[in-house]
């Protein structure tokens, strides 16, 4: 490249155009995403406590309770998504 400033500007402009074509554009989408109902949040917190107790003690009762709570939460989440 010569020491000519015009050549530098032209090359730099081509560089910026190539950079702009390579960049990914994204748009912020504002949509309403409702929170989970409070009863379901409480059930999830209770499930986390049961999981902690199961990992601590390895009792089968905690395992069965955890599995049933997991099925209940999945059922409720499907119902909420449908609504």
Protein backbone atom coordinates (compact mmCIF):
# COMPACT_ATOMS: atom_id res chain seq x y z
CA UNK A 1 0.00 0.00 0.00
CA UNK A 2 1.21 3.42 -0.84
CA UNK A 3 1.41 6.17 1.71
CA UNK A 4 -1.56 7.81 0.07
CA UNK A 5 -4.36 8.44 2.62
CA UNK A 6 -7.04 7.96 -0.05
CA UNK A 7 -5.94 4.34 -0.61
CA UNK A 8 -6.05 3.71 3.12
CA UNK A 9 -9.58 5.10 3.36
CA UNK A 10 -10.79 2.99 0.42
CA UNK A 11 -9.30 -0.21 1.84
CA UNK A 12 -10.64 0.59 5.30
CA UNK A 13 -14.08 1.24 3.85
CA UNK A 14 -14.05 -2.15 2.08
CA UNK A 15 -12.96 -3.74 5.34
CA UNK A 16 -15.90 -2.20 7.19
CA UNK A 17 -18.36 -3.36 4.51
CA UNK A 18 -16.99 -6.91 4.69
CA UNK A 19 -17.18 -6.81 8.47
CA UNK A 20 -20.77 -5.61 8.36
CA UNK A 21 -21.74 -8.48 6.06
CA UNK A 22 -20.18 -11.04 8.40
CA UNK A 23 -21.88 -9.73 11.52
CA UNK A 24 -25.11 -11.29 12.65
CA UNK A 25 -28.02 -9.00 13.27
CA UNK A 26 -30.44 -9.73 16.06
CA UNK A 27 -33.57 -8.01 17.18
CA UNK A 28 -34.85 -7.63 20.68
CA UNK A 29 -38.30 -9.12 20.85
CA UNK A 30 -40.52 -7.86 23.58
CA UNK A 31 -43.14 -10.40 24.38
CA UNK A 32 -45.14 -11.17 27.44
CA UNK A 33 -43.88 -14.26 29.15
CA UNK A 34 -45.91 -14.89 32.26
CA UNK A 35 -44.29 -16.18 35.41
CA UNK A 36 -45.14 -19.53 36.87
CA UNK A 37 -48.01 -19.58 39.34
CA UNK A 38 -46.98 -19.30 42.97
CA UNK A 39 -48.28 -22.76 43.91
CA UNK A 40 -46.06 -24.32 41.25
CA UNK A 41 -43.03 -22.33 42.40
CA UNK A 42 -43.63 -23.63 45.93
CA UNK A 43 -43.90 -27.21 44.66
CA UNK A 44 -40.61 -26.82 42.77
CA UNK A 45 -38.93 -25.49 45.90
CA UNK A 46 -40.29 -28.44 47.86
CA UNK A 47 -39.02 -30.79 45.17
CA UNK A 48 -35.54 -29.29 45.49
CA UNK A 49 -35.64 -29.91 49.25
CA UNK A 50 -36.67 -33.52 48.67
CA UNK A 51 -33.84 -33.97 46.17
CA UNK A 52 -31.38 -32.57 48.72
CA UNK A 53 -32.70 -34.92 51.40
CA UNK A 54 -32.51 -37.89 49.04
CA UNK A 55 -28.92 -37.13 48.13
CA UNK A 56 -28.11 -36.75 51.80
CA UNK A 57 -29.81 -39.90 53.13
CA UNK A 58 -30.52 -42.15 50.08
CA UNK A 59 -33.94 -43.19 51.46
CA UNK A 60 -36.27 -44.80 48.93
CA UNK A 61 -39.23 -42.80 50.24
CA UNK A 62 -37.57 -39.58 49.15
CA UNK A 63 -36.83 -41.07 45.75
CA UNK A 64 -40.47 -42.07 45.23
CA UNK A 65 -41.71 -38.68 46.43
CA UNK A 66 -39.25 -36.91 44.16
CA UNK A 67 -40.38 -38.92 41.13
CA UNK A 68 -44.06 -38.27 41.81
CA UNK A 69 -43.41 -34.55 42.29
CA UNK A 70 -41.44 -34.50 39.05
CA UNK A 71 -44.35 -36.05 37.13
CA UNK A 72 -46.79 -33.60 38.75
CA UNK A 73 -44.63 -30.59 37.85
CA UNK A 74 -44.27 -31.75 34.24
CA UNK A 75 -48.04 -32.27 34.01
CA UNK A 76 -48.72 -28.80 35.40
CA UNK A 77 -46.17 -27.16 33.10
CA UNK A 78 -47.79 -28.78 30.07
CA UNK A 79 -51.18 -27.55 31.22
CA UNK A 80 -49.83 -24.03 31.72
CA UNK A 81 -48.20 -24.00 28.27
CA UNK A 82 -51.43 -25.16 26.66
CA UNK A 83 -53.36 -22.38 28.36
